[in-house]
């Protein structure tokens, strides 16, 4: 990746987003760290600067249309371009269908689906002018369906559909769009799962382990590289084989 590449990674103050931001910085990109937590964003930005890469901190709430556009305009003003967008920011508000509140539905759809749409639209306009761009949207194996996750599964299935549509619309401008669907990955969220529940889940994974954030970051880095310039419209499951075949329960 050339030193001129400018990347925006949403929700990059911790977890998968942080690992991705650091990986892209190591690969030579200028990385915009976007997170609602300024403290977390500053922490990752300082690690990026320690690598000798340029960075910008953003606390814009990208699920807000105006805020997302303001972010992209600021990045354009400072760096002149946006080459890479990684839509990583996401939340869960799990509940069984009959108990799912309107608030929990609206919040997850707003953050997980409207957010990526807002950023994708704002960045695509700039990338179309540039005749170059790489968009990677973080979905989840839950897009295939998961008990207690009506809102989350719907949002992630929406992300996959949106990604495929962008791939078709933007190909003529030299822009690729792909989705990544992680399975169980080591994170703040998975650390909160009781040990016995986690172990039960790990037994369902053919590779018998939880994935690492760096493994997701590696796939993002590949998809935004020149090596992946002929890959677009794909949703790549990275889940240790969890979504492969028929589950025995």
Protein backbone atom coordinates (compact mmCIF):
# COMPACT_ATOMS: atom_id res chain seq x y z
CA UNK A 1 0.00 0.00 0.00
CA UNK A 2 1.43 3.36 -0.97
CA UNK A 3 2.10 6.01 1.65
CA UNK A 4 -0.53 8.22 0.06
CA UNK A 5 -3.48 6.01 1.06
CA UNK A 6 -5.89 7.63 3.51
CA UNK A 7 -8.15 5.31 5.53
CA UNK A 8 -11.15 5.95 7.78
CA UNK A 9 -11.93 3.17 10.28
CA UNK A 10 -15.15 3.69 12.26
CA UNK A 11 -15.38 2.40 15.82
CA UNK A 12 -11.60 2.05 15.93
CA UNK A 13 -10.98 3.01 19.55
CA UNK A 14 -10.80 -0.64 20.62
CA UNK A 15 -11.31 -4.23 19.49
CA UNK A 16 -11.46 -5.17 15.80
CA UNK A 17 -11.47 -1.54 14.72
CA UNK A 18 -8.34 -0.72 16.71
CA UNK A 19 -6.51 -3.79 15.39
CA UNK A 20 -7.52 -2.78 11.84
CA UNK A 21 -6.43 0.85 12.28
CA UNK A 22 -3.04 -0.25 13.60
CA UNK A 23 -2.55 -2.80 10.81
CA UNK A 24 -3.34 -0.25 8.08
CA UNK A 25 -0.97 2.24 9.71
CA UNK A 26 1.78 -0.41 9.75
CA UNK A 27 1.10 -0.97 6.06
CA UNK A 28 1.77 2.71 5.39
CA UNK A 29 -1.67 4.31 5.41
CA UNK A 30 -2.72 7.56 7.02
CA UNK A 31 -5.48 6.44 9.40
CA UNK A 32 -8.46 8.38 10.75
CA UNK A 33 -9.42 6.91 14.12
CA UNK A 34 -13.17 7.40 14.63
CA UNK A 35 -14.76 6.47 17.95
CA UNK A 36 -17.40 7.95 20.25
CA UNK A 37 -14.90 7.59 23.11
CA UNK A 38 -12.29 10.32 22.72
CA UNK A 39 -10.08 8.61 25.31
CA UNK A 40 -10.04 5.35 23.34
CA UNK A 41 -9.47 7.18 20.04
CA UNK A 42 -6.53 9.15 21.50
CA UNK A 43 -4.98 5.94 22.81
CA UNK A 44 -5.02 4.24 19.39
CA UNK A 45 -3.96 7.45 17.62
CA UNK A 46 -0.89 7.70 19.85
CA UNK A 47 0.01 4.09 19.00
CA UNK A 48 -0.35 4.94 15.30
CA UNK A 49 1.90 7.99 15.69
CA UNK A 50 4.45 5.78 17.46
CA UNK A 51 4.55 3.71 14.25
CA UNK A 52 5.51 6.87 12.36
CA UNK A 53 2.15 7.14 10.58
CA UNK A 54 -0.06 10.20 10.30
CA UNK A 55 -3.46 10.14 11.99
CA UNK A 56 -6.56 12.18 12.79
CA UNK A 57 -8.94 11.69 15.72
CA UNK A 58 -12.70 11.85 15.14
CA UNK A 59 -15.53 11.48 17.65
CA UNK A 60 -18.29 12.02 15.07
CA UNK A 61 -21.37 9.83 15.54
CA UNK A 62 -21.46 8.41 12.02
CA UNK A 63 -25.01 7.10 12.51
CA UNK A 64 -25.97 10.77 12.14
CA UNK A 65 -26.05 11.77 8.46
CA UNK A 66 -24.71 15.29 8.99
CA UNK A 67 -21.93 14.12 11.33
CA UNK A 68 -20.81 11.45 8.82
CA UNK A 69 -20.63 14.03 6.02
CA UNK A 70 -18.78 16.47 8.27
CA UNK A 71 -16.21 13.78 9.07
CA UNK A 72 -15.55 13.00 5.41
CA UNK A 73 -15.32 16.72 4.58
CA UNK A 74 -12.78 17.24 7.40
CA UNK A 75 -10.67 14.33 6.17
CA UNK A 76 -10.78 15.68 2.62
CA UNK A 77 -9.79 19.15 3.83
CA UNK A 78 -6.84 17.79 5.83
CA UNK A 79 -5.53 15.00 3.58
CA UNK A 80 -7.11 15.75 0.19
CA UNK A 81 -8.67 12.33 -0.31
CA UNK A 82 -10.22 9.17 1.18
CA UNK A 83 -8.99 5.89 -0.32
CA UNK A 84 -10.18 3.34 2.21
CA UNK A 85 -13.36 3.13 4.29
CA UNK A 86 -13.74 0.41 6.91
CA UNK A 87 -17.25 0.45 8.39
CA UNK A 88 -16.57 -1.31 11.67
CA UNK A 89 -18.67 0.53 14.28
CA UNK A 90 -21.47 -1.65 15.60
CA UNK A 91 -23.47 -2.56 18.70
CA UNK A 92 -25.62 -5.41 20.03
CA UNK A 93 -28.86 -5.08 21.98
CA UNK A 94 -29.90 -8.74 22.17
CA UNK A 95 -33.44 -9.84 22.93
CA UNK A 96 -35.86 -12.56 21.91
CA UNK A 97 -38.38 -11.41 19.29
CA UNK A 98 -41.38 -11.27 21.65
CA UNK A 99 -39.44 -9.07 24.10
CA UNK A 100 -37.56 -6.86 21.63
CA UNK A 101 -38.35 -3.20 22.31
CA UNK A 102 -38.78 -0.56 19.63
CA UNK A 103 -35.82 1.31 21.17
CA UNK A 104 -33.48 -1.71 20.90
CA UNK A 105 -34.56 -2.31 17.31
CA UNK A 106 -34.12 1.35 16.28
CA UNK A 107 -30.74 1.75 18.00
CA UNK A 108 -29.15 -1.31 16.39
CA UNK A 109 -30.48 -0.48 12.91
CA UNK A 110 -29.29 3.14 13.29
CA UNK A 111 -25.74 2.26 14.36
CA UNK A 112 -25.18 -0.96 12.38
CA UNK A 113 -26.96 -0.17 9.10
CA UNK A 114 -27.62 3.57 8.82
CA UNK A 115 -24.07 4.36 10.01
CA UNK A 116 -22.35 2.34 7.25
CA UNK A 117 -24.82 3.77 4.71
CA UNK A 118 -24.03 7.35 5.78
CA UNK A 119 -20.27 6.78 5.57
CA UNK A 120 -20.48 4.74 2.37
CA UNK A 121 -22.49 7.43 0.62
CA UNK A 122 -20.22 10.29 1.73
CA UNK A 123 -17.01 8.42 0.87
CA UNK A 124 -18.34 7.04 -2.43
CA UNK A 125 -18.94 10.56 -3.78
CA UNK A 126 -15.30 11.41 -3.12
CA UNK A 127 -13.99 8.04 -4.36
CA UNK A 128 -15.98 8.43 -7.61
CA UNK A 129 -14.15 11.72 -8.27
CA UNK A 130 -10.83 10.02 -7.47
CA UNK A 131 -11.68 6.99 -9.66
CA UNK A 132 -10.36 4.83 -6.82
CA UNK A 133 -11.60 3.43 -3.53
CA UNK A 134 -11.77 0.44 -1.22
CA UNK A 135 -14.80 -0.12 1.01
CA UNK A 136 -14.90 -2.91 3.59
CA UNK A 137 -18.05 -3.36 5.69
CA UNK A 138 -18.01 -5.46 8.85
CA UNK A 139 -20.98 -7.81 8.86
CA UNK A 140 -21.22 -10.90 11.13
CA UNK A 141 -22.00 -14.60 10.76
CA UNK A 142 -25.22 -13.55 12.56
CA UNK A 143 -26.45 -12.32 9.17
CA UNK A 144 -27.32 -15.98 8.58
CA UNK A 145 -29.65 -15.82 11.60
CA UNK A 146 -29.01 -16.14 15.33
CA UNK A 147 -31.34 -16.69 18.30
CA UNK A 148 -31.94 -13.52 20.30
CA UNK A 149 -30.56 -11.26 17.58
CA UNK A 150 -33.47 -10.21 15.36
CA UNK A 151 -32.20 -6.61 15.24
CA UNK A 152 -28.50 -7.47 14.92
CA UNK A 153 -29.03 -10.20 12.30
CA UNK A 154 -31.30 -7.92 10.27
CA UNK A 155 -28.75 -5.08 10.40
CA UNK A 156 -25.88 -7.35 9.32
CA UNK A 157 -27.90 -9.00 6.53
CA UNK A 158 -28.66 -5.45 5.40
CA UNK A 159 -24.94 -4.65 5.40
CA UNK A 160 -24.26 -7.65 3.13
CA UNK A 161 -27.02 -6.63 0.69
CA UNK A 162 -25.82 -3.04 0.69
CA UNK A 163 -22.23 -4.14 0.05
CA UNK A 164 -23.22 -6.22 -2.97
CA UNK A 165 -25.22 -3.32 -4.41
CA UNK A 166 -22.34 -0.87 -3.93
CA UNK A 167 -19.98 -3.31 -5.67
CA UNK A 168 -22.25 -3.24 -8.74
CA UNK A 169 -22.79 0.53 -8.73
CA UNK A 170 -19.22 1.60 -8.00
CA UNK A 171 -17.16 -0.86 -10.08
CA UNK A 172 -17.03 1.50 -13.06
CA UNK A 173 -15.25 4.07 -10.88
CA UNK A 174 -12.46 1.74 -9.80
CA UNK A 175 -14.03 1.19 -6.38
CA UNK A 176 -14.38 -2.23 -4.74
CA UNK A 177 -16.81 -3.05 -1.92
CA UNK A 178 -16.62 -6.19 0.19
CA UNK A 179 -18.00 -7.44 3.49
CA UNK A 180 -16.35 -9.48 6.22
CA UNK A 181 -18.49 -11.69 8.47
CA UNK A 182 -16.58 -12.57 11.66
CA UNK A 183 -17.62 -15.37 13.96
CA UNK A 184 -16.62 -15.43 17.64
CA UNK A 185 -13.65 -13.06 18.04
CA UNK A 186 -11.76 -12.14 21.22
CA UNK A 187 -13.10 -8.74 22.30
CA UNK A 188 -14.48 -6.75 25.19
CA UNK A 189 -17.88 -8.28 24.43
CA UNK A 190 -16.70 -11.91 24.36
CA UNK A 191 -14.69 -11.39 27.55
CA UNK A 192 -17.99 -10.78 29.33
CA UNK A 193 -19.35 -14.22 28.37
CA UNK A 194 -19.19 -16.70 31.28
CA UNK A 195 -16.35 -19.24 30.82
CA UNK A 196 -18.61 -22.31 30.63
CA UNK A 197 -20.89 -20.67 28.04
CA UNK A 198 -17.87 -19.62 25.99
CA UNK A 199 -16.37 -23.12 26.14
CA UNK A 200 -19.66 -24.63 24.94
CA UNK A 201 -19.62 -22.24 21.99
CA UNK A 202 -15.97 -22.95 21.16
CA UNK A 203 -16.84 -26.65 20.86
CA UNK A 204 -19.17 -25.75 17.96
CA UNK A 205 -16.30 -24.11 16.06
CA UNK A 206 -14.44 -26.64 13.86
CA UNK A 207 -11.08 -24.96 14.61
CA UNK A 208 -11.94 -25.14 18.37
CA UNK A 209 -10.80 -21.64 19.24
CA UNK A 210 -11.88 -18.02 19.28
CA UNK A 211 -10.52 -15.75 16.56
CA UNK A 212 -8.15 -12.85 17.19
CA UNK A 213 -8.80 -9.22 16.17
CA UNK A 214 -5.50 -9.26 14.25
CA UNK A 215 -6.89 -12.04 12.02
CA UNK A 216 -9.79 -9.80 11.00
CA UNK A 217 -7.38 -6.89 10.48
CA UNK A 218 -5.25 -9.08 8.21
CA UNK A 219 -8.23 -9.80 5.98
CA UNK A 220 -9.17 -6.11 5.84
CA UNK A 221 -5.57 -5.26 4.91
CA UNK A 222 -5.68 -7.79 2.08
CA UNK A 223 -9.04 -6.60 0.71
CA UNK A 224 -7.84 -2.97 0.53
CA UNK A 225 -4.52 -3.93 -1.07
CA UNK A 226 -3.69 -4.03 -4.78
CA UNK A 227 -3.53 -7.83 -4.53
CA UNK A 228 -7.32 -7.85 -4.07
CA UNK A 229 -8.18 -5.42 -6.86
CA UNK A 230 -10.29 -8.05 -8.69
CA UNK A 231 -12.36 -8.97 -5.61
CA UNK A 232 -15.62 -7.07 -5.15
CA UNK A 233 -19.16 -7.78 -3.97
CA UNK A 234 -18.06 -10.61 -1.67
CA UNK A 235 -18.96 -11.48 1.90
CA UNK A 236 -16.09 -13.46 3.43
CA UNK A 237 -16.89 -15.49 6.54
CA UNK A 238 -13.95 -15.55 8.97
CA UNK A 239 -15.23 -17.81 11.71
CA UNK A 240 -13.07 -20.92 12.13
CA UNK A 241 -15.59 -22.91 10.07
CA UNK A 242 -18.55 -22.11 12.35
CA UNK A 243 -20.95 -21.29 9.49
CA UNK A 244 -19.85 -24.22 7.31
CA UNK A 245 -22.07 -27.29 6.91
CA UNK A 246 -25.01 -28.41 9.00
CA UNK A 247 -24.67 -27.77 12.72
CA UNK A 248 -25.30 -30.65 15.08
CA UNK A 249 -26.56 -28.06 17.58
